[in-house]
Amino acid sequence: RKLGNHKVKTKCPVCGDEITTRIRVRSYWVTWCTCCICCMVGLALCCYAFIPFCVNCTQRVQHFCPHCNNLIGTN
């Protein structure tokens, strides 16, 4: 199920409780590819290569139930 980048109120499909999701932000292949491209383009300014790790659109946000720890969805 598609969810946003922030905690949401929903009903857990496993335990049935009304909850506010617990989120975990993860880097995935888009983050690493963007990092490599930034590094190749700006060889003298490799400090810019870490920008993708600070931008929400290159991160995967996973939403979990705080009661049963079931994965509810991602962004």
PDB file of N, CA and C in Angstrom:
ATOM      1  N   ARG A   1       0.847  -1.181   0.000  1.00  0.00           N
ATOM      2  CA  ARG A   1       0.000   0.000   0.000  1.00  0.00           C
ATOM      3  C   ARG A   1       0.887   1.238   0.000  1.00  0.00           C
ATOM      4  N   LYS A   2       0.550   2.223  -0.813  1.00  0.00           N
ATOM      5  CA  LYS A   2       1.329   3.460  -0.915  1.00  0.00           C
ATOM      6  C   LYS A   2       0.931   4.414   0.207  1.00  0.00           C
ATOM      7  N   LEU A   3       1.921   4.858   0.963  1.00  0.00           N
ATOM      8  CA  LEU A   3       1.729   5.840   2.024  1.00  0.00           C
ATOM      9  C   LEU A   3       2.734   6.958   1.810  1.00  0.00           C
ATOM     10  N   GLY A   4       2.593   8.058   2.533  1.00  0.00           N
ATOM     11  CA  GLY A   4       3.484   9.200   2.353  1.00  0.00           C
ATOM     12  C   GLY A   4       4.803   9.047   3.087  1.00  0.00           C
ATOM     13  N   ASN A   5       5.482  10.171   3.257  1.00  0.00           N
ATOM     14  CA  ASN A   5       6.782  10.190   3.922  1.00  0.00           C
ATOM     15  C   ASN A   5       6.684  10.436   5.419  1.00  0.00           C
ATOM     16  N   HIS A   6       5.456  10.640   5.923  1.00  0.00           N
ATOM     17  CA  HIS A   6       5.255  10.940   7.338  1.00  0.00           C
ATOM     18  C   HIS A   6       4.352   9.893   7.977  1.00  0.00           C
ATOM     19  N   LYS A   7       4.348   9.861   9.304  1.00  0.00           N
ATOM     20  CA  LYS A   7       3.481   8.938  10.026  1.00  0.00           C
ATOM     21  C   LYS A   7       2.024   9.200   9.642  1.00  0.00           C
ATOM     22  N   VAL A   8       1.235   8.124   9.542  1.00  0.00           N
ATOM     23  CA  VAL A   8      -0.181   8.258   9.204  1.00  0.00           C
ATOM     24  C   VAL A   8      -1.022   7.466  10.197  1.00  0.00           C
ATOM     25  N   LYS A   9      -2.270   7.908  10.372  1.00  0.00           N
ATOM     26  CA  LYS A   9      -3.212   7.160  11.198  1.00  0.00           C
ATOM     27  C   LYS A   9      -3.946   6.203  10.286  1.00  0.00           C
ATOM     28  N   THR A  10      -4.004   4.944  10.694  1.00  0.00           N
ATOM     29  CA  THR A  10      -4.657   3.925   9.880  1.00  0.00           C
ATOM     30  C   THR A  10      -5.037   2.739  10.763  1.00  0.00           C
ATOM     31  N   LYS A  11      -5.665   1.763  10.161  1.00  0.00           N
ATOM     32  CA  LYS A  11      -6.003   0.538  10.871  1.00  0.00           C
ATOM     33  C   LYS A  11      -5.057  -0.556  10.392  1.00  0.00           C
ATOM     34  N   CYS A  12      -4.400  -1.228  11.318  1.00  0.00           N
ATOM     35  CA  CYS A  12      -3.473  -2.301  10.959  1.00  0.00           C
ATOM     36  C   CYS A  12      -4.259  -3.476  10.389  1.00  0.00           C
ATOM     37  N   PRO A  13      -3.889  -3.970   9.209  1.00  0.00           N
ATOM     38  CA  PRO A  13      -4.608  -5.099   8.611  1.00  0.00           C
ATOM     39  C   PRO A  13      -4.356  -6.425   9.335  1.00  0.00           C
ATOM     40  N   VAL A  14      -3.324  -6.500  10.164  1.00  0.00           N
ATOM     41  CA  VAL A  14      -3.009  -7.757  10.861  1.00  0.00           C
ATOM     42  C   VAL A  14      -3.662  -7.807  12.235  1.00  0.00           C
ATOM     43  N   CYS A  15      -3.367  -6.800  13.099  1.00  0.00           N
ATOM     44  CA  CYS A  15      -3.897  -6.841  14.462  1.00  0.00           C
ATOM     45  C   CYS A  15      -5.223  -6.103  14.609  1.00  0.00           C
ATOM     46  N   GLY A  16      -5.596  -5.273  13.615  1.00  0.00           N
ATOM     47  CA  GLY A  16      -6.879  -4.588  13.626  1.00  0.00           C
ATOM     48  C   GLY A  16      -6.944  -3.351  14.499  1.00  0.00           C
ATOM     49  N   ASP A  17      -5.839  -2.951  15.122  1.00  0.00           N
ATOM     50  CA  ASP A  17      -5.829  -1.774  15.977  1.00  0.00           C
ATOM     51  C   ASP A  17      -5.775  -0.492  15.147  1.00  0.00           C
ATOM     52  N   GLU A  18      -6.391   0.574  15.674  1.00  0.00           N
ATOM     53  CA  GLU A  18      -6.246   1.907  15.088  1.00  0.00           C
ATOM     54  C   GLU A  18      -4.908   2.438  15.584  1.00  0.00           C
ATOM     55  N   ILE A  19      -4.007   2.767  14.660  1.00  0.00           N
ATOM     56  CA  ILE A  19      -2.635   3.109  15.037  1.00  0.00           C
ATOM     57  C   ILE A  19      -2.127   4.329  14.276  1.00  0.00           C
ATOM     58  N   THR A  20      -1.043   4.893  14.762  1.00  0.00           N
ATOM     59  CA  THR A  20      -0.223   5.844  14.012  1.00  0.00           C
ATOM     60  C   THR A  20       1.039   5.080  13.656  1.00  0.00           C
ATOM     61  N   THR A  21       1.342   4.999  12.384  1.00  0.00           N
ATOM     62  CA  THR A  21       2.440   4.146  11.933  1.00  0.00           C
ATOM     63  C   THR A  21       3.789   4.596  12.486  1.00  0.00           C
ATOM     64  N   ARG A  22       4.667   3.628  12.652  1.00  0.00           N
ATOM     65  CA  ARG A  22       6.071   3.877  12.971  1.00  0.00           C
ATOM     66  C   ARG A  22       6.802   3.819  11.642  1.00  0.00           C
ATOM     67  N   ILE A  23       7.653   4.805  11.366  1.00  0.00           N
ATOM     68  CA  ILE A  23       8.326   4.829  10.066  1.00  0.00           C
ATOM     69  C   ILE A  23       9.819   4.520  10.204  1.00  0.00           C
ATOM     70  N   ARG A  24      10.369   3.972   9.122  1.00  0.00           N
ATOM     71  CA  ARG A  24      11.807   3.715   9.019  1.00  0.00           C
ATOM     72  C   ARG A  24      12.234   4.189   7.629  1.00  0.00           C
ATOM     73  N   VAL A  25      13.223   5.068   7.609  1.00  0.00           N
ATOM     74  CA  VAL A  25      13.726   5.624   6.342  1.00  0.00           C
ATOM     75  C   VAL A  25      14.932   4.801   5.905  1.00  0.00           C
ATOM     76  N   ARG A  26      14.912   4.355   4.660  1.00  0.00           N
ATOM     77  CA  ARG A  26      15.978   3.523   4.109  1.00  0.00           C
ATOM     78  C   ARG A  26      16.481   4.095   2.795  1.00  0.00           C
ATOM     79  N   SER A  27      17.757   3.941   2.558  1.00  0.00           N
ATOM     80  CA  SER A  27      18.325   4.274   1.254  1.00  0.00           C
ATOM     81  C   SER A  27      18.082   3.079   0.328  1.00  0.00           C
ATOM     82  N   TYR A  28      17.872   3.334  -0.932  1.00  0.00           N
ATOM     83  CA  TYR A  28      17.731   2.250  -1.897  1.00  0.00           C
ATOM     84  C   TYR A  28      18.456   2.616  -3.178  1.00  0.00           C
ATOM     85  N   TRP A  29      18.318   1.870  -4.237  1.00  0.00           N
ATOM     86  CA  TRP A  29      19.171   2.004  -5.409  1.00  0.00           C
ATOM     87  C   TRP A  29      19.141   3.403  -6.011  1.00  0.00           C
ATOM     88  N   VAL A  30      18.018   4.107  -5.956  1.00  0.00           N
ATOM     89  CA  VAL A  30      17.957   5.464  -6.512  1.00  0.00           C
ATOM     90  C   VAL A  30      18.911   6.379  -5.744  1.00  0.00           C
ATOM     91  N   THR A  31      18.970   6.217  -4.430  1.00  0.00           N
ATOM     92  CA  THR A  31      19.863   7.026  -3.607  1.00  0.00           C
ATOM     93  C   THR A  31      21.310   6.801  -4.014  1.00  0.00           C
ATOM     94  N   TRP A  32      21.699   5.547  -4.129  1.00  0.00           N
ATOM     95  CA  TRP A  32      23.083   5.218  -4.460  1.00  0.00           C
ATOM     96  C   TRP A  32      23.450   5.642  -5.878  1.00  0.00           C
ATOM     97  N   CYS A  33      22.533   5.477  -6.843  1.00  0.00           N
ATOM     98  CA  CYS A  33      22.808   5.904  -8.228  1.00  0.00           C
ATOM     99  C   CYS A  33      22.969   7.416  -8.309  1.00  0.00           C
ATOM    100  N   THR A  34      22.095   8.152  -7.619  1.00  0.00           N
ATOM    101  CA  THR A  34      22.194   9.608  -7.599  1.00  0.00           C
ATOM    102  C   THR A  34      23.496  10.046  -6.954  1.00  0.00           C
ATOM    103  N   CYS A  35      23.901   9.364  -5.911  1.00  0.00           N
ATOM    104  CA  CYS A  35      25.158   9.653  -5.228  1.00  0.00           C
ATOM    105  C   CYS A  35      26.337   9.462  -6.192  1.00  0.00           C
ATOM    106  N   CYS A  36      26.349   8.361  -6.928  1.00  0.00           N
ATOM    107  CA  CYS A  36      27.434   8.085  -7.880  1.00  0.00           C
ATOM    108  C   CYS A  36      27.475   9.116  -8.995  1.00  0.00           C
ATOM    109  N   ILE A  37      26.306   9.512  -9.504  1.00  0.00           N
ATOM    110  CA  ILE A  37      26.244  10.512 -10.563  1.00  0.00           C
ATOM    111  C   ILE A  37      26.778  11.848 -10.054  1.00  0.00           C
ATOM    112  N   CYS A  38      26.369  12.243  -8.844  1.00  0.00           N
ATOM    113  CA  CYS A  38      26.873  13.503  -8.266  1.00  0.00           C
ATOM    114  C   CYS A  38      28.387  13.457  -8.107  1.00  0.00           C
ATOM    115  N   CYS A  39      28.903  12.315  -7.735  1.00  0.00           N
ATOM    116  CA  CYS A  39      30.340  12.164  -7.540  1.00  0.00           C
ATOM    117  C   CYS A  39      31.089  12.247  -8.877  1.00  0.00           C
ATOM    118  N   MET A  40      30.543  11.622  -9.926  1.00  0.00           N
ATOM    119  CA  MET A  40      31.191  11.644 -11.234  1.00  0.00           C
ATOM    120  C   MET A  40      31.147  13.031 -11.869  1.00  0.00           C
ATOM    121  N   VAL A  41      30.031  13.731 -11.695  1.00  0.00           N
ATOM    122  CA  VAL A  41      29.872  15.050 -12.302  1.00  0.00           C
ATOM    123  C   VAL A  41      30.749  16.077 -11.599  1.00  0.00           C
ATOM    124  N   GLY A  42      30.786  16.038 -10.296  1.00  0.00           N
ATOM    125  CA  GLY A  42      31.552  17.029  -9.555  1.00  0.00           C
ATOM    126  C   GLY A  42      32.720  16.409  -8.832  1.00  0.00           C
ATOM    127  N   LEU A  43      33.699  15.904  -9.584  1.00  0.00           N
ATOM    128  CA  LEU A  43      34.836  15.218  -8.976  1.00  0.00           C
ATOM    129  C   LEU A  43      35.546  16.076  -7.936  1.00  0.00           C
ATOM    130  N   ALA A  44      35.634  17.367  -8.178  1.00  0.00           N
ATOM    131  CA  ALA A  44      36.305  18.247  -7.224  1.00  0.00           C
ATOM    132  C   ALA A  44      35.416  18.548  -6.022  1.00  0.00           C
ATOM    133  N   LEU A  45      34.116  18.350  -6.173  1.00  0.00           N
ATOM    134  CA  LEU A  45      33.170  18.680  -5.103  1.00  0.00           C
ATOM    135  C   LEU A  45      32.412  17.430  -4.656  1.00  0.00           C
ATOM    136  N   CYS A  46      33.119  16.403  -4.269  1.00  0.00           N
ATOM    137  CA  CYS A  46      32.480  15.140  -3.878  1.00  0.00           C
ATOM    138  C   CYS A  46      31.593  15.272  -2.636  1.00  0.00           C
ATOM    139  N   CYS A  47      31.710  16.389  -1.925  1.00  0.00           N
ATOM    140  CA  CYS A  47      30.839  16.572  -0.759  1.00  0.00           C
ATOM    141  C   CYS A  47      29.376  16.637  -1.186  1.00  0.00           C
ATOM    142  N   TYR A  48      29.108  17.019  -2.448  1.00  0.00           N
ATOM    143  CA  TYR A  48      27.735  17.045  -2.945  1.00  0.00           C
ATOM    144  C   TYR A  48      27.169  15.652  -3.165  1.00  0.00           C
ATOM    145  N   ALA A  49      28.006  14.660  -3.195  1.00  0.00           N
ATOM    146  CA  ALA A  49      27.551  13.294  -3.442  1.00  0.00           C
ATOM    147  C   ALA A  49      26.660  12.774  -2.320  1.00  0.00           C
ATOM    148  N   PHE A  50      26.731  13.386  -1.145  1.00  0.00           N
ATOM    149  CA  PHE A  50      25.938  12.910  -0.016  1.00  0.00           C
ATOM    150  C   PHE A  50      24.569  13.573   0.075  1.00  0.00           C
ATOM    151  N   ILE A  51      24.283  14.533  -0.800  1.00  0.00           N
ATOM    152  CA  ILE A  51      22.984  15.201  -0.807  1.00  0.00           C
ATOM    153  C   ILE A  51      21.829  14.212  -0.992  1.00  0.00           C
ATOM    154  N   PRO A  52      21.930  13.200  -1.860  1.00  0.00           N
ATOM    155  CA  PRO A  52      20.806  12.270  -2.020  1.00  0.00           C
ATOM    156  C   PRO A  52      20.397  11.564  -0.723  1.00  0.00           C
ATOM    157  N   PHE A  53      21.301  11.460   0.228  1.00  0.00           N
ATOM    158  CA  PHE A  53      20.967  10.809   1.491  1.00  0.00           C
ATOM    159  C   PHE A  53      20.171  11.734   2.417  1.00  0.00           C
ATOM    160  N   CYS A  54      20.058  13.020   2.041  1.00  0.00           N
ATOM    161  CA  CYS A  54      19.330  14.004   2.848  1.00  0.00           C
ATOM    162  C   CYS A  54      18.002  14.413   2.224  1.00  0.00           C
ATOM    163  N   VAL A  55      17.714  13.940   1.016  1.00  0.00           N
ATOM    164  CA  VAL A  55      16.520  14.337   0.282  1.00  0.00           C
ATOM    165  C   VAL A  55      15.485  13.217   0.354  1.00  0.00           C
ATOM    166  N   ASN A  56      14.243  13.565   0.711  1.00  0.00           N
ATOM    167  CA  ASN A  56      13.195  12.557   0.890  1.00  0.00           C
ATOM    168  C   ASN A  56      12.858  11.786  -0.385  1.00  0.00           C
ATOM    169  N   CYS A  57      12.932  12.425  -1.558  1.00  0.00           N
ATOM    170  CA  CYS A  57      12.502  11.746  -2.782  1.00  0.00           C
ATOM    171  C   CYS A  57      13.440  10.607  -3.187  1.00  0.00           C
ATOM    172  N   THR A  58      14.644  10.546  -2.617  1.00  0.00           N
ATOM    173  CA  THR A  58      15.549   9.446  -2.940  1.00  0.00           C
ATOM    174  C   THR A  58      15.612   8.413  -1.817  1.00  0.00           C
ATOM    175  N   GLN A  59      14.718   8.524  -0.848  1.00  0.00           N
ATOM    176  CA  GLN A  59      14.692   7.595   0.274  1.00  0.00           C
ATOM    177  C   GLN A  59      13.417   6.754   0.222  1.00  0.00           C
ATOM    178  N   ARG A  60      13.483   5.562   0.727  1.00  0.00           N
ATOM    179  CA  ARG A  60      12.316   4.691   0.847  1.00  0.00           C
ATOM    180  C   ARG A  60      11.842   4.753   2.292  1.00  0.00           C
ATOM    181  N   VAL A  61      10.585   5.145   2.502  1.00  0.00           N
ATOM    182  CA  VAL A  61      10.014   5.219   3.841  1.00  0.00           C
ATOM    183  C   VAL A  61       9.080   4.027   4.024  1.00  0.00           C
ATOM    184  N   GLN A  62       9.345   3.215   5.032  1.00  0.00           N
ATOM    185  CA  GLN A  62       8.522   2.048   5.335  1.00  0.00           C
ATOM    186  C   GLN A  62       7.670   2.349   6.564  1.00  0.00           C
ATOM    187  N   HIS A  63       6.379   1.980   6.512  1.00  0.00           N
ATOM    188  CA  HIS A  63       5.446   2.205   7.612  1.00  0.00           C
ATOM    189  C   HIS A  63       5.147   0.872   8.297  1.00  0.00           C
ATOM    190  N   PHE A  64       5.307   0.852   9.622  1.00  0.00           N
ATOM    191  CA  PHE A  64       5.085  -0.357  10.418  1.00  0.00           C
ATOM    192  C   PHE A  64       4.034  -0.106  11.483  1.00  0.00           C
ATOM    193  N   CYS A  65       3.343  -1.164  11.899  1.00  0.00           N
ATOM    194  CA  CYS A  65       2.436  -1.107  13.038  1.00  0.00           C
ATOM    195  C   CYS A  65       3.294  -1.102  14.302  1.00  0.00           C
ATOM    196  N   PRO A  66       3.080  -0.145  15.224  1.00  0.00           N
ATOM    197  CA  PRO A  66       3.884  -0.112  16.442  1.00  0.00           C
ATOM    198  C   PRO A  66       3.521  -1.235  17.428  1.00  0.00           C
ATOM    199  N   HIS A  67       2.376  -1.898  17.232  1.00  0.00           N
ATOM    200  CA  HIS A  67       1.948  -2.956  18.140  1.00  0.00           C
ATOM    201  C   HIS A  67       2.449  -4.341  17.719  1.00  0.00           C
ATOM    202  N   CYS A  68       2.247  -4.686  16.431  1.00  0.00           N
ATOM    203  CA  CYS A  68       2.621  -6.030  15.971  1.00  0.00           C
ATOM    204  C   CYS A  68       3.837  -6.020  15.029  1.00  0.00           C
ATOM    205  N   ASN A  69       4.377  -4.843  14.725  1.00  0.00           N
ATOM    206  CA  ASN A  69       5.555  -4.676  13.852  1.00  0.00           C
ATOM    207  C   ASN A  69       5.352  -5.151  12.422  1.00  0.00           C
ATOM    208  N   ASN A  70       4.113  -5.252  11.979  1.00  0.00           N
ATOM    209  CA  ASN A  70       3.806  -5.642  10.611  1.00  0.00           C
ATOM    210  C   ASN A  70       4.113  -4.478   9.662  1.00  0.00           C
ATOM    211  N   LEU A  71       4.730  -4.787   8.507  1.00  0.00           N
ATOM    212  CA  LEU A  71       4.951  -3.777   7.467  1.00  0.00           C
ATOM    213  C   LEU A  71       3.609  -3.467   6.814  1.00  0.00           C
ATOM    214  N   ILE A  72       3.184  -2.210   6.911  1.00  0.00           N
ATOM    215  CA  ILE A  72       1.880  -1.804   6.383  1.00  0.00           C
ATOM    216  C   ILE A  72       2.000  -1.280   4.963  1.00  0.00           C
ATOM    217  N   GLY A  73       3.072  -0.542   4.670  1.00  0.00           N
ATOM    218  CA  GLY A  73       3.241  -0.012   3.317  1.00  0.00           C
ATOM    219  C   GLY A  73       4.472   0.844   3.210  1.00  0.00           C
ATOM    220  N   THR A  74       4.703   1.385   2.016  1.00  0.00           N
ATOM    221  CA  THR A  74       5.858   2.236   1.738  1.00  0.00           C
ATOM    222  C   THR A  74       5.384   3.513   1.066  1.00  0.00           C
ATOM    223  N   ASN A  75       6.319   4.465   0.905  1.00  0.00           N
ATOM    224  CA  ASN A  75       5.972   5.709   0.200  1.00  0.00           C
ATOM    225  C   ASN A  75       5.999   5.505  -1.284  1.00  0.00           C
TER     226      ASN A  75
END
